[in-house]
PDB file of N, CA and C in Angstrom:
ATOM      1  N   MET A   1       2.412   3.334   9.643  1.00  0.00           N
ATOM      2  CA  MET A   1       2.141   4.625  10.482  1.00  0.00           C
ATOM      3  C   MET A   1       2.411   5.833   9.761  1.00  0.00           C
ATOM      4  N   ILE A   2       3.322   6.083   8.780  1.00  0.00           N
ATOM      5  CA  ILE A   2       3.624   7.009   7.977  1.00  0.00           C
ATOM      6  C   ILE A   2       2.747   7.170   6.792  1.00  0.00           C
ATOM      7  N   SER A   3       2.169   5.887   6.208  1.00  0.00           N
ATOM      8  CA  SER A   3       1.340   6.130   5.287  1.00  0.00           C
ATOM      9  C   SER A   3      -0.340   6.252   5.979  1.00  0.00           C
ATOM     10  N   PHE A   4      -0.448   6.207   7.039  1.00  0.00           N
ATOM     11  CA  PHE A   4      -1.825   6.871   7.707  1.00  0.00           C
ATOM     12  C   PHE A   4      -1.693   8.317   7.888  1.00  0.00           C
ATOM     13  N   ALA A   5      -0.348   8.757   8.480  1.00  0.00           N
ATOM     14  CA  ALA A   5      -0.250  10.454   8.402  1.00  0.00           C
ATOM     15  C   ALA A   5      -0.048  10.905   7.055  1.00  0.00           C
ATOM     16  N   HIS A   6       0.371  10.227   6.101  1.00  0.00           N
ATOM     17  CA  HIS A   6       0.178  10.557   4.515  1.00  0.00           C
ATOM     18  C   HIS A   6      -1.041  10.977   4.089  1.00  0.00           C
ATOM     19  N   GLY A   7      -2.077   9.803   4.369  1.00  0.00           N
ATOM     20  CA  GLY A   7      -3.423  10.064   4.242  1.00  0.00           C
ATOM     21  C   GLY A   7      -4.409  11.279   4.693  1.00  0.00           C
ATOM     22  N   ILE A   8      -3.979  11.321   6.155  1.00  0.00           N
ATOM     23  CA  ILE A   8      -4.657  12.543   6.683  1.00  0.00           C
ATOM     24  C   ILE A   8      -4.349  13.705   6.227  1.00  0.00           C
ATOM     25  N   MET A   9      -2.831  13.865   6.006  1.00  0.00           N
ATOM     26  CA  MET A   9      -2.416  15.375   5.775  1.00  0.00           C
ATOM     27  C   MET A   9      -2.828  15.525   4.291  1.00  0.00           C
ATOM     28  N   LEU A  10      -3.228  14.730   3.591  1.00  0.00           N
ATOM     29  CA  LEU A  10      -3.589  15.127   2.161  1.00  0.00           C
ATOM     30  C   LEU A  10      -4.557  16.284   2.050  1.00  0.00           C
ATOM     31  N   PRO A  11      -5.507  16.607   2.616  1.00  0.00           N
ATOM     32  CA  PRO A  11      -6.431  17.526   2.431  1.00  0.00           C
ATOM     33  C   PRO A  11      -5.587  19.038   2.649  1.00  0.00           C
ATOM     34  N   PHE A  12      -4.613  18.869   3.505  1.00  0.00           N
ATOM     35  CA  PHE A  12      -3.935  20.307   4.043  1.00  0.00           C
ATOM     36  C   PHE A  12      -2.805  20.523   2.912  1.00  0.00           C
ATOM     37  N   SER A  13      -2.610  19.598   1.695  1.00  0.00           N
ATOM     38  CA  SER A  13      -1.306  19.753   1.053  1.00  0.00           C
ATOM     39  C   SER A  13      -1.616  20.694  -0.192  1.00  0.00           C
ATOM     40  N   PRO A  14      -0.995  21.566  -0.524  1.00  0.00           N
ATOM     41  CA  PRO A  14      -1.070  22.325  -1.778  1.00  0.00           C
ATOM     42  C   PRO A  14      -1.047  21.774  -3.063  1.00  0.00           C
ATOM     43  N   HIS A  15      -0.621  20.334  -3.223  1.00  0.00           N
ATOM     44  CA  HIS A  15      -0.900  19.622  -4.195  1.00  0.00           C
ATOM     45  C   HIS A  15      -2.129  18.538  -4.221  1.00  0.00           C
ATOM     46  N   ALA A  16      -3.066  19.062  -3.346  1.00  0.00           N
ATOM     47  CA  ALA A  16      -4.004  17.947  -2.984  1.00  0.00           C
ATOM     48  C   ALA A  16      -5.220  18.138  -4.201  1.00  0.00           C
ATOM     49  N   ALA A  17      -5.207  19.186  -4.957  1.00  0.00           N
ATOM     50  CA  ALA A  17      -6.337  19.563  -6.187  1.00  0.00           C
ATOM     51  C   ALA A  17      -6.565  18.413  -6.983  1.00  0.00           C
ATOM     52  N   ALA A  18      -5.566  17.671  -7.833  1.00  0.00           N
ATOM     53  CA  ALA A  18      -5.583  17.006  -8.625  1.00  0.00           C
ATOM     54  C   ALA A  18      -6.227  15.402  -8.156  1.00  0.00           C
ATOM     55  N   GLN A  19      -5.660  14.726  -6.967  1.00  0.00           N
ATOM     56  CA  GLN A  19      -5.898  13.993  -6.409  1.00  0.00           C
ATOM     57  C   GLN A  19      -6.162  12.482  -7.359  1.00  0.00           C
ATOM     58  N   ARG A  20      -5.441  12.405  -8.518  1.00  0.00           N
ATOM     59  CA  ARG A  20      -5.624  11.211  -9.698  1.00  0.00           C
ATOM     60  C   ARG A  20      -5.234  10.082  -9.038  1.00  0.00           C
ATOM     61  N   GLY A  21      -4.448   9.871  -8.000  1.00  0.00           N
ATOM     62  CA  GLY A  21      -3.690   8.648  -7.111  1.00  0.00           C
ATOM     63  C   GLY A  21      -4.568   8.536  -5.834  1.00  0.00           C
ATOM     64  N   LEU A  22      -5.730   8.994  -5.405  1.00  0.00           N
ATOM     65  CA  LEU A  22      -6.344   9.034  -4.541  1.00  0.00           C
ATOM     66  C   LEU A  22      -6.764   7.245  -4.547  1.00  0.00           C
ATOM     67  N   ALA A  23      -7.391   6.845  -5.651  1.00  0.00           N
ATOM     68  CA  ALA A  23      -7.680   5.362  -5.220  1.00  0.00           C
ATOM     69  C   ALA A  23      -6.671   4.480  -5.421  1.00  0.00           C
ATOM     70  N   PRO A  24      -5.720   4.469  -6.101  1.00  0.00           N
ATOM     71  CA  PRO A  24      -4.390   3.538  -6.101  1.00  0.00           C
ATOM     72  C   PRO A  24      -3.717   3.844  -4.507  1.00  0.00           C
ATOM     73  N   GLY A  25      -3.943   5.117  -3.989  1.00  0.00           N
ATOM     74  CA  GLY A  25      -3.402   5.417  -2.867  1.00  0.00           C
ATOM     75  C   GLY A  25      -4.214   4.939  -1.277  1.00  0.00           C
ATOM     76  N   THR A  26      -5.622   4.546  -1.802  1.00  0.00           N
ATOM     77  CA  THR A  26      -6.435   3.818  -0.819  1.00  0.00           C
ATOM     78  C   THR A  26      -6.021   2.508  -0.858  1.00  0.00           C
ATOM     79  N   SER A  27      -6.224   1.916  -2.238  1.00  0.00           N
ATOM     80  CA  SER A  27      -5.986   0.531  -2.139  1.00  0.00           C
ATOM     81  C   SER A  27      -4.771  -0.080  -1.751  1.00  0.00           C
ATOM     82  N   ALA A  28      -3.972   0.643  -1.894  1.00  0.00           N
ATOM     83  CA  ALA A  28      -2.347   0.292  -1.570  1.00  0.00           C
ATOM     84  C   ALA A  28      -2.383   0.434   0.312  1.00  0.00           C
ATOM     85  N   PHE A  29      -3.020   1.118   0.710  1.00  0.00           N
ATOM     86  CA  PHE A  29      -3.299   1.458   2.348  1.00  0.00           C
ATOM     87  C   PHE A  29      -3.944   0.099   2.582  1.00  0.00           C
ATOM     88  N   ILE A  30      -4.777  -0.292   1.961  1.00  0.00           N
ATOM     89  CA  ILE A  30      -5.989  -1.684   2.665  1.00  0.00           C
ATOM     90  C   ILE A  30      -4.888  -2.528   2.293  1.00  0.00           C
ATOM     91  N   VAL A  31      -4.091  -2.818   1.528  1.00  0.00           N
ATOM     92  CA  VAL A  31      -3.517  -4.154   1.197  1.00  0.00           C
ATOM     93  C   VAL A  31      -2.338  -4.107   2.139  1.00  0.00           C
ATOM     94  N   LEU A  32      -1.865  -2.786   2.456  1.00  0.00           N
ATOM     95  CA  LEU A  32      -0.908  -2.865   3.277  1.00  0.00           C
ATOM     96  C   LEU A  32      -1.193  -3.134   4.845  1.00  0.00           C
ATOM     97  N   GLY A  33      -2.719  -2.953   4.985  1.00  0.00           N
ATOM     98  CA  GLY A  33      -3.146  -3.193   6.378  1.00  0.00           C
ATOM     99  C   GLY A  33      -3.191  -4.661   6.516  1.00  0.00           C
ATOM    100  N   ILE A  34      -3.888  -4.987   5.399  1.00  0.00           N
ATOM    101  CA  ILE A  34      -3.875  -6.586   5.200  1.00  0.00           C
ATOM    102  C   ILE A  34      -2.286  -7.567   5.588  1.00  0.00           C
ATOM    103  N   LEU A  35      -1.559  -6.820   4.667  1.00  0.00           N
ATOM    104  CA  LEU A  35      -0.169  -7.447   4.591  1.00  0.00           C
ATOM    105  C   LEU A  35       0.326  -7.301   6.382  1.00  0.00           C
ATOM    106  N   GLY A  36       0.200  -6.165   6.812  1.00  0.00           N
ATOM    107  CA  GLY A  36       0.405  -6.170   8.545  1.00  0.00           C
ATOM    108  C   GLY A  36      -0.182  -6.958   9.516  1.00  0.00           C
ATOM    109  N   TYR A  37      -1.620  -7.266   8.963  1.00  0.00           N
ATOM    110  CA  TYR A  37      -2.167  -8.257   9.899  1.00  0.00           C
ATOM    111  C   TYR A  37      -1.677  -9.579   9.762  1.00  0.00           C
ATOM    112  N   ILE A  38      -1.373 -10.072   8.476  1.00  0.00           N
ATOM    113  CA  ILE A  38      -1.099 -11.462   8.266  1.00  0.00           C
ATOM    114  C   ILE A  38       0.239 -11.559   8.626  1.00  0.00           C
ATOM    115  N   GLY A  39       1.516 -10.495   8.890  1.00  0.00           N
ATOM    116  CA  GLY A  39       2.519 -10.648   9.534  1.00  0.00           C
ATOM    117  C   GLY A  39       2.540 -10.591  10.932  1.00  0.00           C
ATOM    118  N   TRP A  40       1.480 -10.018  11.558  1.00  0.00           N
ATOM    119  CA  TRP A  40       1.399  -9.976  13.033  1.00  0.00           C
ATOM    120  C   TRP A  40       0.783 -11.124  13.408  1.00  0.00           C
ATOM    121  N   GLN A  41      -0.145 -11.687  12.645  1.00  0.00           N
ATOM    122  CA  GLN A  41      -0.712 -13.391  12.902  1.00  0.00           C
ATOM    123  C   GLN A  41      -0.061 -14.436  12.198  1.00  0.00           C
ATOM    124  N   GLN A  42       1.388 -14.103  11.882  1.00  0.00           N
ATOM    125  CA  GLN A  42       2.267 -15.026  11.516  1.00  0.00           C
ATOM    126  C   GLN A  42       2.285 -16.666  11.809  1.00  0.00           C
ATOM    127  N   VAL A  43       2.348 -16.857  13.272  1.00  0.00           N
ATOM    128  CA  VAL A  43       2.427 -17.977  13.883  1.00  0.00           C
ATOM    129  C   VAL A  43       0.822 -18.795  13.935  1.00  0.00           C
ATOM    130  N   PRO A  44       0.342 -18.458  13.872  1.00  0.00           N
ATOM    131  CA  PRO A  44      -1.281 -18.969  13.829  1.00  0.00           C
ATOM    132  C   PRO A  44      -1.628 -19.407  12.209  1.00  0.00           C
ATOM    133  N   LEU A  45      -1.210 -18.255  11.598  1.00  0.00           N
ATOM    134  CA  LEU A  45      -1.434 -18.567  10.079  1.00  0.00           C
ATOM    135  C   LEU A  45      -0.723 -19.483   9.129  1.00  0.00           C
ATOM    136  N   LYS A  46       0.502 -19.585  10.182  1.00  0.00           N
ATOM    137  CA  LYS A  46       1.623 -20.615   9.381  1.00  0.00           C
ATOM    138  C   LYS A  46       0.982 -22.148   9.476  1.00  0.00           C
ATOM    139  N   LYS A  47       0.390 -22.079  10.967  1.00  0.00           N
ATOM    140  CA  LYS A  47      -0.160 -23.325  11.449  1.00  0.00           C
ATOM    141  C   LYS A  47      -1.197 -23.698  10.645  1.00  0.00           C
ATOM    142  N   LYS A  48      -2.075 -22.747  10.463  1.00  0.00           N
ATOM    143  CA  LYS A  48      -3.519 -22.799   9.503  1.00  0.00           C
ATOM    144  C   LYS A  48      -2.955 -23.338   8.224  1.00  0.00           C
ATOM    145  N   LEU A  49      -2.328 -22.388   7.510  1.00  0.00           N
ATOM    146  CA  LEU A  49      -2.396 -22.463   6.078  1.00  0.00           C
ATOM    147  C   LEU A  49      -0.930 -23.471   5.913  1.00  0.00           C
ATOM    148  N   GLY A  50       0.299 -23.232   6.609  1.00  0.00           N
ATOM    149  CA  GLY A  50       1.301 -24.003   6.009  1.00  0.00           C
ATOM    150  C   GLY A  50       2.144 -22.799   6.116  1.00  0.00           C
ATOM    151  N   ALA A  51       3.273 -22.905   6.141  1.00  0.00           N
ATOM    152  CA  ALA A  51       4.394 -21.895   6.091  1.00  0.00           C
ATOM    153  C   ALA A  51       4.665 -21.487   4.645  1.00  0.00           C
ATOM    154  N   LYS A  52       4.546 -22.521   3.502  1.00  0.00           N
ATOM    155  CA  LYS A  52       5.013 -22.267   2.281  1.00  0.00           C
ATOM    156  C   LYS A  52       3.676 -21.475   1.716  1.00  0.00           C
ATOM    157  N   ARG A  53       2.458 -21.797   1.942  1.00  0.00           N
ATOM    158  CA  ARG A  53       1.165 -21.087   1.595  1.00  0.00           C
ATOM    159  C   ARG A  53       1.232 -19.612   1.894  1.00  0.00           C
ATOM    160  N   TRP A  54       1.606 -19.560   3.622  1.00  0.00           N
ATOM    161  CA  TRP A  54       2.026 -18.160   4.203  1.00  0.00           C
ATOM    162  C   TRP A  54       2.585 -17.177   3.437  1.00  0.00           C
ATOM    163  N   ARG A  55       3.935 -17.956   3.198  1.00  0.00           N
ATOM    164  CA  ARG A  55       5.111 -17.184   2.527  1.00  0.00           C
ATOM    165  C   ARG A  55       4.603 -16.662   0.886  1.00  0.00           C
ATOM    166  N   MET A  56       4.127 -17.716   0.147  1.00  0.00           N
ATOM    167  CA  MET A  56       3.409 -17.418  -1.000  1.00  0.00           C
ATOM    168  C   MET A  56       2.438 -16.104  -0.779  1.00  0.00           C
ATOM    169  N   ILE A  57       1.368 -16.171  -0.075  1.00  0.00           N
ATOM    170  CA  ILE A  57       0.572 -15.098   0.005  1.00  0.00           C
ATOM    171  C   ILE A  57       1.224 -13.566   0.299  1.00  0.00           C
ATOM    172  N   HIS A  58       2.272 -14.049   1.730  1.00  0.00           N
ATOM    173  CA  HIS A  58       2.875 -12.462   1.881  1.00  0.00           C
ATOM    174  C   HIS A  58       3.715 -11.943   0.910  1.00  0.00           C
ATOM    175  N   LEU A  59       4.216 -12.764   0.030  1.00  0.00           N
ATOM    176  CA  LEU A  59       4.858 -12.498  -0.995  1.00  0.00           C
ATOM    177  C   LEU A  59       4.155 -11.757  -2.215  1.00  0.00           C
ATOM    178  N   ILE A  60       2.814 -12.408  -2.802  1.00  0.00           N
ATOM    179  CA  ILE A  60       2.220 -11.823  -3.377  1.00  0.00           C
ATOM    180  C   ILE A  60       1.672 -10.284  -3.273  1.00  0.00           C
ATOM    181  N   LEU A  61       1.151 -10.274  -1.747  1.00  0.00           N
ATOM    182  CA  LEU A  61       0.683  -9.126  -1.245  1.00  0.00           C
ATOM    183  C   LEU A  61       1.646  -8.090  -1.261  1.00  0.00           C
ATOM    184  N   THR A  62       2.898  -8.209  -0.957  1.00  0.00           N
ATOM    185  CA  THR A  62       3.892  -7.410  -0.958  1.00  0.00           C
ATOM    186  C   THR A  62       4.171  -6.822  -2.447  1.00  0.00           C
ATOM    187  N   ILE A  63       4.272  -7.824  -3.259  1.00  0.00           N
ATOM    188  CA  ILE A  63       4.523  -7.331  -4.648  1.00  0.00           C
ATOM    189  C   ILE A  63       3.398  -6.348  -5.074  1.00  0.00           C
ATOM    190  N   LEU A  64       2.064  -6.917  -4.642  1.00  0.00           N
ATOM    191  CA  LEU A  64       1.087  -5.862  -5.139  1.00  0.00           C
ATOM    192  C   LEU A  64       1.100  -4.433  -4.437  1.00  0.00           C
ATOM    193  N   VAL A  65       1.689  -4.473  -2.980  1.00  0.00           N
ATOM    194  CA  VAL A  65       1.511  -2.912  -2.546  1.00  0.00           C
ATOM    195  C   VAL A  65       2.753  -2.095  -3.292  1.00  0.00           C
ATOM    196  N   VAL A  66       3.782  -2.869  -3.785  1.00  0.00           N
ATOM    197  CA  VAL A  66       4.684  -1.995  -4.310  1.00  0.00           C
ATOM    198  C   VAL A  66       4.485  -1.663  -5.617  1.00  0.00           C
ATOM    199  N   ILE A  67       3.449  -2.508  -6.321  1.00  0.00           N
ATOM    200  CA  ILE A  67       3.334  -1.944  -7.738  1.00  0.00           C
ATOM    201  C   ILE A  67       2.059  -1.081  -7.585  1.00  0.00           C
ATOM    202  N   ILE A  68       1.393  -0.922  -6.729  1.00  0.00           N
ATOM    203  CA  ILE A  68       0.180   0.010  -6.471  1.00  0.00           C
ATOM    204  C   ILE A  68       0.787   1.312  -5.986  1.00  0.00           C
ATOM    205  N   VAL A  69       1.794   1.297  -4.890  1.00  0.00           N
ATOM    206  CA  VAL A  69       2.297   2.341  -4.801  1.00  0.00           C
ATOM    207  C   VAL A  69       3.284   2.908  -5.722  1.00  0.00           C
ATOM    208  N   ILE A  70       3.825   2.500  -6.541  1.00  0.00           N
ATOM    209  CA  ILE A  70       4.529   3.271  -7.628  1.00  0.00           C
ATOM    210  C   ILE A  70       3.458   3.807  -8.343  1.00  0.00           C
ATOM    211  N   ALA A  71       2.351   3.123  -8.676  1.00  0.00           N
ATOM    212  CA  ALA A  71       1.375   3.602  -9.604  1.00  0.00           C
ATOM    213  C   ALA A  71       0.595   5.156  -9.066  1.00  0.00           C
ATOM    214  N   HIS A  72       0.515   4.967  -7.669  1.00  0.00           N
ATOM    215  CA  HIS A  72       0.139   6.034  -6.912  1.00  0.00           C
ATOM    216  C   HIS A  72       1.158   7.185  -6.832  1.00  0.00           C
ATOM    217  N   ALA A  73       2.393   6.980  -7.136  1.00  0.00           N
ATOM    218  CA  ALA A  73       3.591   7.948  -6.999  1.00  0.00           C
ATOM    219  C   ALA A  73       3.446   8.784  -8.305  1.00  0.00           C
ATOM    220  N   VAL A  74       3.221   7.815  -9.437  1.00  0.00           N
ATOM    221  CA  VAL A  74       3.559   8.450 -10.664  1.00  0.00           C
ATOM    222  C   VAL A  74       2.218   9.224 -11.155  1.00  0.00           C
ATOM    223  N   MET A  75       0.987   8.572 -10.469  1.00  0.00           N
ATOM    224  CA  MET A  75      -0.359   9.263 -10.824  1.00  0.00           C
ATOM    225  C   MET A  75      -0.290  10.599 -10.125  1.00  0.00           C
ATOM    226  N   ASP A  76      -0.191  10.704  -8.932  1.00  0.00           N
ATOM    227  CA  ASP A  76      -0.469  12.021  -7.939  1.00  0.00           C
ATOM    228  C   ASP A  76       0.997  12.693  -7.429  1.00  0.00           C
ATOM    229  N   GLY A  77       2.087  12.164  -7.622  1.00  0.00           N
ATOM    230  CA  GLY A  77       2.964  12.678  -6.990  1.00  0.00           C
ATOM    231  C   GLY A  77       3.982  13.676  -7.698  1.00  0.00           C
ATOM    232  N   THR A  78       4.463  14.512  -6.878  1.00  0.00           N
ATOM    233  CA  THR A  78       5.032  15.789  -7.425  1.00  0.00           C
ATOM    234  C   THR A  78       6.475  15.462  -8.148  1.00  0.00           C
ATOM    235  N   ASP A  79       7.275  14.450  -7.650  1.00  0.00           N
ATOM    236  CA  ASP A  79       8.261  13.994  -7.895  1.00  0.00           C
ATOM    237  C   ASP A  79       8.413  13.095  -9.288  1.00  0.00           C
ATOM    238  N   PHE A  80       7.159  12.671  -9.726  1.00  0.00           N
ATOM    239  CA  PHE A  80       7.183  11.916 -10.775  1.00  0.00           C
ATOM    240  C   PHE A  80       6.083  12.866 -12.002  1.00  0.00           C
ATOM    241  N   ALA A  81       6.050  13.986 -11.897  1.00  0.00           N
ATOM    242  CA  ALA A  81       5.441  14.682 -12.670  1.00  0.00           C
ATOM    243  C   ALA A  81       5.901  14.642 -14.033  1.00  0.00           C
ATOM    244  N   TRP A  82       7.138  14.470 -14.501  1.00  0.00           N
ATOM    245  CA  TRP A  82       7.551  14.706 -15.687  1.00  0.00           C
ATOM    246  C   TRP A  82       7.155  13.419 -16.568  1.00  0.00           C
ATOM    247  N   LEU A  83       6.616  12.230 -15.801  1.00  0.00           N
ATOM    248  CA  LEU A  83       6.434  11.013 -16.528  1.00  0.00           C
ATOM    249  C   LEU A  83       5.074  11.211 -17.056  1.00  0.00           C
ATOM    250  N   ARG A  84       4.181  12.331 -16.482  1.00  0.00           N
ATOM    251  CA  ARG A  84       2.900  12.227 -16.890  1.00  0.00           C
ATOM    252  C   ARG A  84       2.643  12.960 -18.289  1.00  0.00           C
TER     253      ARG A  84
END
């Protein structure tokens, strides 16, 4: 919910001029939505895929979201401006 509000409030931000991190932010939001869905559908997906495969998919998507969010923060975040 917070990531959704973050995306909605972006056009009203005084720091929205650059928007270099828009693509990574959007892709992270999409992968986070997929991650939330497979977490919500955990029981039927574990029956269909098996617990071990479901856990591996969930882990890979979680790592992917973390990497993309870090890239988004470094590319467009004001807290990491010193890295650019």
